[in-house]
Amino acid sequence: MSLMSHQSYGPRIAVPRLLKILERQEVQGTFFIPGFTAESYPDVVRRIVDGGHEVAHLHEPMQGIGAATEASYLDRGLEALAKVAGVRPRGYRAPWWELNWDSPALLADRGFLYDSSLLDGDAPYGIAVASGGSRDSDSRDIDSRDVVEIPVDRALDDWEQYAFYPGVTGSGVIESPAKVLEMWTLEAEAHHAQGSCFVLTNHPFISGRPSKAGLGATDRTSQSHGPDVGDHPGTDCRTHQWHPERDPQPRPDRGPVLSRRGGQLQARPGAGNRPELGTCPACTRALPLSMSSLDQQQRT
């Protein structure tokens, strides 16, 4: 009972507090919400939608499950979010950021535009959706429906800084919010300098506690860099694609569209070094605020 009260602090106390902060700072966030949580706290989810924030999808842990089971998880969550809030999410995040090899195709089949679970980039890129063939073979065909990946970084996850529950997770060290602000500000400055994408992940039951929420780091890290920095939900970031007529010199950090071959991510044939999906000049200095929200899962 005590463990679940630790988690339920998020929707009961923290989310209303964070929504007020986001409204005051005029920031739109992305809330990744499991279907079970939507059914358990429907009024909170509707407040998120009414506040103009993006609702994206999150579900049960995926380690060791097959494609059919993962598909059922996705469908049940989508059904719950549609019933509770009347939304059809276009973004997805895997629990623990553990994406399966079948996930991109399953997401594309359901109309998702982007995923935010992988850690191999500093700016959005496209993942080609492969179909057919076995999981570990090179016989998968290339599908034209690309899912955009908005990469994440564990240094920008509040879990690594604050999460602790005896016997469940964490080392017992809960960092000072002042130290976390310093670290996240350095990360924001570095991303701003190279024109890449700062993706901050906050769990409300962690970062919604008074001293952490009061820090206002989600806003202060963006406002410290001038008018060419903005906050975007994930869908807006995904729709900003690379346009050669406006950005003729793509940087190396905007890699080519990737496909899955033999259990590895490889450049699509014919893509060369030209980034088919990336970020346009309007987005290269944006800071998309990504909030992994209302997660009732037990992370260990």
Protein backbone atom coordinates (compact mmCIF):
# COMPACT_ATOMS: atom_id res chain seq x y z
CA MET A 1 0.00 0.00 0.00
CA SER A 2 2.81 2.43 0.83
CA LEU A 3 4.55 1.82 -2.49
CA MET A 4 1.40 2.54 -4.47
CA SER A 5 0.83 5.71 -2.43
CA HIS A 6 4.30 6.80 -3.55
CA GLN A 7 3.20 6.40 -7.17
CA SER A 8 -0.30 7.84 -6.77
CA TYR A 9 1.20 11.08 -5.48
CA GLY A 10 1.74 11.85 -9.18
CA PRO A 11 -1.84 12.08 -10.42
CA ARG A 12 -3.35 13.09 -7.07
CA ILE A 13 -1.02 15.93 -6.05
CA ALA A 14 1.85 16.50 -8.48
CA VAL A 15 0.10 16.76 -11.84
CA PRO A 16 -2.29 19.54 -10.74
CA ARG A 17 0.73 21.40 -9.33
CA LEU A 18 2.77 20.93 -12.50
CA LEU A 19 -0.14 21.97 -14.72
CA LYS A 20 -0.33 25.27 -12.85
CA ILE A 21 3.41 25.81 -13.34
CA LEU A 22 3.23 25.00 -17.05
CA GLU A 23 0.25 27.35 -17.48
CA ARG A 24 2.05 30.15 -15.67
CA GLN A 25 5.16 29.69 -17.79
CA GLU A 26 3.11 29.24 -21.00
CA VAL A 27 4.78 25.91 -21.75
CA GLN A 28 3.13 22.99 -23.52
CA GLY A 29 4.26 19.55 -22.40
CA THR A 30 3.92 15.99 -23.59
CA PHE A 31 2.38 13.61 -21.05
CA PHE A 32 3.02 9.90 -21.64
CA ILE A 33 0.07 8.17 -19.98
CA PRO A 34 -0.69 4.44 -19.56
CA GLY A 35 -4.24 3.39 -20.32
CA PHE A 36 -4.66 1.94 -16.83
CA THR A 37 -3.77 5.28 -15.30
CA ALA A 38 -6.20 7.07 -17.59
CA GLU A 39 -8.98 4.79 -16.40
CA SER A 40 -7.95 5.25 -12.76
CA TYR A 41 -7.66 9.07 -12.90
CA PRO A 42 -9.88 10.21 -15.79
CA ASP A 43 -10.44 13.72 -14.44
CA VAL A 44 -6.69 14.35 -14.22
CA VAL A 45 -6.17 13.21 -17.81
CA ARG A 46 -8.96 15.45 -19.02
CA ARG A 47 -7.35 18.38 -17.20
CA ILE A 48 -4.13 17.68 -19.11
CA VAL A 49 -5.98 17.73 -22.42
CA ASP A 50 -7.98 20.83 -21.48
CA GLY A 51 -4.69 22.57 -20.66
CA GLY A 52 -3.58 22.19 -24.28
CA HIS A 53 -0.91 19.57 -23.59
CA GLU A 54 -0.13 16.60 -25.77
CA VAL A 55 -1.16 13.15 -24.53
CA ALA A 56 1.12 10.36 -25.72
CA HIS A 57 1.10 6.62 -25.01
CA LEU A 58 2.99 4.53 -22.46
CA HIS A 59 2.17 0.99 -21.33
CA GLU A 60 3.36 -2.05 -19.41
CA PRO A 61 7.01 -3.20 -19.48
CA MET A 62 7.92 -4.91 -22.74
CA GLN A 63 10.98 -7.00 -21.92
CA GLY A 64 10.51 -10.57 -23.11
CA ILE A 65 7.11 -10.14 -24.77
CA GLY A 66 6.26 -10.95 -28.37
CA ALA A 67 4.73 -8.78 -31.06
CA ALA A 68 1.18 -10.06 -30.47
CA THR A 69 1.31 -9.25 -26.76
CA GLU A 70 2.83 -5.84 -27.42
CA ALA A 71 0.10 -5.12 -29.97
CA SER A 72 -2.57 -5.97 -27.41
CA TYR A 73 -0.95 -3.63 -24.88
CA LEU A 74 -0.93 -0.81 -27.42
CA ASP A 75 -4.54 -1.37 -28.44
CA ARG A 76 -5.86 -1.55 -24.88
CA GLY A 77 -4.07 1.68 -23.98
CA LEU A 78 -5.31 3.48 -27.08
CA GLU A 79 -8.86 2.38 -26.35
CA ALA A 80 -8.63 3.66 -22.77
CA LEU A 81 -7.21 7.06 -23.77
CA ALA A 82 -9.87 7.49 -26.45
CA LYS A 83 -12.65 6.59 -24.02
CA VAL A 84 -11.41 8.79 -21.19
CA ALA A 85 -10.11 11.85 -23.02
CA GLY A 86 -11.22 11.52 -26.63
CA VAL A 87 -7.64 11.55 -27.92
CA ARG A 88 -5.70 9.39 -30.34
CA PRO A 89 -2.03 9.66 -29.33
CA ARG A 90 0.55 10.23 -32.05
CA GLY A 91 3.56 9.81 -29.79
CA TYR A 92 4.87 6.83 -27.85
CA ARG A 93 7.47 6.05 -25.21
CA ALA A 94 8.46 2.56 -24.11
CA PRO A 95 8.67 1.88 -20.35
CA TRP A 96 12.29 2.03 -19.19
CA TRP A 97 13.03 3.29 -22.75
CA GLU A 98 13.23 -0.38 -23.80
CA LEU A 99 11.92 -0.58 -27.37
CA ASN A 100 11.48 -3.96 -29.09
CA TRP A 101 12.53 -4.64 -32.67
CA ASP A 102 8.89 -5.13 -33.65
CA SER A 103 7.80 -1.85 -32.06
CA PRO A 104 8.31 0.57 -35.01
CA ALA A 105 6.05 -1.47 -37.31
CA LEU A 106 3.41 -1.86 -34.60
CA LEU A 107 3.46 1.88 -33.99
CA ALA A 108 3.22 2.71 -37.69
CA ASP A 109 0.28 0.31 -38.10
CA ARG A 110 -1.59 2.34 -35.48
CA GLY A 111 -0.82 5.75 -36.90
CA PHE A 112 1.86 6.84 -34.45
CA LEU A 113 4.10 9.59 -35.81
CA TYR A 114 6.99 9.37 -33.39
CA ASP A 115 8.68 7.38 -30.66
CA SER A 116 10.87 8.76 -27.88
CA SER A 117 12.72 5.78 -26.38
CA LEU A 118 16.14 5.45 -28.02
CA LEU A 119 19.44 6.98 -26.94
CA ASP A 120 21.53 7.13 -30.12
CA GLY A 121 21.20 10.74 -31.22
CA ASP A 122 21.00 14.40 -30.31
CA ALA A 123 18.29 15.38 -32.80
CA PRO A 124 15.19 13.72 -34.28
CA TYR A 125 15.75 11.18 -37.05
CA GLY A 126 13.62 8.68 -38.95
CA ILE A 127 13.41 4.93 -38.39
CA ALA A 128 12.30 3.01 -41.46
CA VAL A 129 9.53 0.54 -40.61
CA ALA A 130 10.57 -2.98 -41.65
CA SER A 131 8.11 -5.81 -42.19
CA GLY A 132 8.39 -9.47 -43.07
CA GLY A 133 11.20 -11.89 -42.37
CA SER A 134 12.35 -13.20 -39.04
CA ARG A 135 13.46 -11.04 -36.13
CA ASP A 136 17.17 -11.70 -36.64
CA SER A 137 17.27 -12.07 -40.41
CA ASP A 138 18.29 -9.62 -43.12
CA SER A 139 15.14 -10.37 -45.13
CA ARG A 140 12.93 -7.60 -43.73
CA ASP A 141 11.53 -5.32 -46.41
CA ILE A 142 11.78 -1.56 -46.16
CA ASP A 143 8.44 0.12 -45.49
CA SER A 144 7.92 3.72 -46.60
CA ARG A 145 6.14 4.67 -43.37
CA ASP A 146 8.85 6.22 -41.26
CA VAL A 147 8.44 6.67 -37.53
CA VAL A 148 10.40 9.65 -36.25
CA GLU A 149 12.62 9.03 -33.24
CA ILE A 150 13.07 11.85 -30.70
CA PRO A 151 16.11 10.59 -28.76
CA VAL A 152 16.39 10.70 -24.99
CA ASP A 153 19.28 10.89 -22.53
CA ARG A 154 19.44 9.42 -19.03
CA ALA A 155 21.24 12.54 -17.84
CA LEU A 156 18.01 14.41 -18.56
CA ASP A 157 15.77 11.97 -16.67
CA ASP A 158 14.71 12.98 -13.17
CA TRP A 159 14.65 9.30 -12.21
CA GLU A 160 18.43 9.13 -12.14
CA GLN A 161 18.62 12.12 -9.80
CA TYR A 162 15.76 11.70 -7.37
CA ALA A 163 14.18 8.24 -7.47
CA PHE A 164 14.46 6.13 -4.36
CA TYR A 165 12.21 3.63 -2.65
CA PRO A 166 13.78 1.17 -0.17
CA GLY A 167 14.09 -2.29 -1.61
CA VAL A 168 12.61 -1.26 -4.95
CA THR A 169 14.79 1.29 -6.73
CA GLY A 170 17.58 3.79 -6.26
CA SER A 171 20.84 3.94 -4.32
CA GLY A 172 19.46 5.91 -1.41
CA VAL A 173 20.95 9.17 -2.69
CA ILE A 174 18.39 11.86 -3.49
CA GLU A 175 20.15 14.78 -5.14
CA SER A 176 19.63 18.44 -4.37
CA PRO A 177 17.37 20.24 -6.89
CA ALA A 178 20.00 22.98 -7.05
CA LYS A 179 22.58 20.47 -8.28
CA VAL A 180 20.10 19.05 -10.80
CA LEU A 181 19.30 22.52 -12.14
CA GLU A 182 23.01 23.17 -12.63
CA MET A 183 23.46 19.91 -14.54
CA TRP A 184 20.38 20.36 -16.71
CA THR A 185 21.33 23.95 -17.49
CA LEU A 186 24.77 22.81 -18.70
CA GLU A 187 23.07 20.19 -20.88
CA ALA A 188 20.66 22.81 -22.27
CA GLU A 189 23.51 25.18 -23.08
CA ALA A 190 25.43 22.43 -24.88
CA HIS A 191 22.40 21.41 -26.95
CA HIS A 192 21.71 25.04 -27.76
CA ALA A 193 25.30 25.59 -28.90
CA GLN A 194 25.15 22.74 -31.41
CA GLY A 195 21.51 23.26 -32.41
CA SER A 196 20.26 19.91 -31.16
CA CYS A 197 17.26 18.73 -29.18
CA PHE A 198 17.04 18.93 -25.36
CA VAL A 199 14.47 16.34 -24.18
CA LEU A 200 13.73 16.61 -20.48
CA THR A 201 11.90 13.70 -18.85
CA ASN A 202 10.07 14.28 -15.58
CA HIS A 203 7.94 11.85 -13.61
CA PRO A 204 5.29 13.84 -11.71
CA PHE A 205 5.47 11.63 -8.61
CA ILE A 206 9.17 12.58 -8.47
CA SER A 207 9.55 16.08 -9.90
CA GLY A 208 6.15 17.15 -8.67
CA ARG A 209 7.33 17.26 -5.05
CA PRO A 210 7.43 20.84 -3.70
CA SER A 211 11.13 21.72 -3.86
CA LYS A 212 11.60 20.07 -7.24
CA ALA A 213 8.48 21.54 -8.81
CA GLY A 214 9.23 24.93 -7.29
CA LEU A 215 12.63 24.90 -8.91
CA GLY A 216 10.94 25.67 -12.22
CA ALA A 217 13.87 24.08 -14.07
CA THR A 218 11.77 23.15 -17.07
CA ASP A 219 11.28 26.81 -17.84
CA ARG A 220 14.50 28.36 -16.52
CA THR A 221 16.72 26.12 -18.64
CA SER A 222 14.98 27.34 -21.80
CA GLN A 223 14.60 31.02 -20.99
CA SER A 224 18.29 31.39 -20.21
CA HIS A 225 19.27 31.17 -23.87
CA GLY A 226 17.36 33.91 -25.65
CA PRO A 227 14.53 34.24 -28.16
CA ASP A 228 15.72 31.46 -30.49
CA VAL A 229 14.90 28.82 -27.88
CA GLY A 230 11.39 27.42 -27.56
CA ASP A 231 9.44 24.64 -25.93
CA HIS A 232 7.57 22.15 -28.09
CA PRO A 233 5.52 19.04 -27.42
CA GLY A 234 6.75 15.93 -29.19
CA THR A 235 4.37 16.09 -32.15
CA ASP A 236 5.47 19.61 -33.04
CA CYS A 237 9.11 18.58 -32.87
CA ARG A 238 8.40 15.58 -35.09
CA THR A 239 6.76 17.70 -37.80
CA HIS A 240 9.82 19.94 -38.17
CA GLN A 241 11.71 18.13 -40.92
CA TRP A 242 14.97 18.97 -42.62
CA HIS A 243 14.49 21.26 -45.63
CA PRO A 244 17.57 21.55 -47.89
CA GLU A 245 16.43 24.83 -49.42
CA ARG A 246 16.43 26.45 -45.97
CA ASP A 247 19.28 24.50 -44.38
CA PRO A 248 21.67 23.50 -47.19
CA GLN A 249 24.46 22.33 -44.88
CA PRO A 250 23.11 19.49 -42.72
CA ARG A 251 25.26 18.69 -39.70
CA PRO A 252 26.64 15.22 -38.97
CA ASP A 253 24.32 14.81 -35.98
CA ARG A 254 21.35 14.60 -38.35
CA GLY A 255 21.89 11.09 -39.59
CA PRO A 256 20.12 9.22 -42.39
CA VAL A 257 16.87 7.33 -42.02
CA LEU A 258 17.60 4.03 -40.33
CA SER A 259 16.28 0.54 -40.93
CA ARG A 260 16.47 -2.60 -38.84
CA ARG A 261 18.75 -5.29 -40.25
CA GLY A 262 20.05 -8.33 -38.43
CA GLY A 263 19.17 -6.86 -35.05
CA GLN A 264 20.99 -3.59 -35.78
CA LEU A 265 20.01 -0.14 -36.94
CA GLN A 266 21.55 0.54 -40.35
CA ALA A 267 21.32 3.34 -42.89
CA ARG A 268 18.63 2.84 -45.49
CA PRO A 269 20.06 1.81 -48.87
CA GLY A 270 20.48 4.84 -51.09
CA ALA A 271 20.19 7.30 -48.23
CA GLY A 272 23.90 8.00 -48.21
CA ASN A 273 24.78 10.74 -45.75
CA ARG A 274 21.79 12.90 -46.58
CA PRO A 275 19.42 13.20 -43.64
CA GLU A 276 15.93 12.46 -44.95
CA LEU A 277 14.41 13.45 -41.62
CA GLY A 278 15.85 15.77 -39.07
CA THR A 279 15.11 19.16 -37.63
CA CYS A 280 14.47 22.35 -39.55
CA PRO A 281 16.09 25.66 -38.58
CA ALA A 282 12.97 26.64 -36.64
CA CYS A 283 13.41 23.64 -34.38
CA THR A 284 17.16 23.13 -34.10
CA ARG A 285 17.34 25.35 -31.05
CA ALA A 286 14.05 24.23 -29.54
CA LEU A 287 13.75 22.49 -26.20
CA PRO A 288 10.86 20.01 -26.41
CA LEU A 289 9.53 19.42 -22.93
CA SER A 290 8.89 15.72 -22.56
CA MET A 291 7.10 14.63 -19.40
CA SER A 292 6.79 10.91 -18.75
CA SER A 293 3.61 11.35 -16.82
CA LEU A 294 1.36 9.40 -14.49
CA ASP A 295 3.48 6.27 -14.69
CA GLN A 296 2.09 3.69 -12.28
CA GLN A 297 4.77 1.14 -13.14
CA GLN A 298 7.41 0.12 -10.62
CA ARG A 299 10.82 0.92 -12.05
CA THR A 300 13.69 -1.05 -10.61
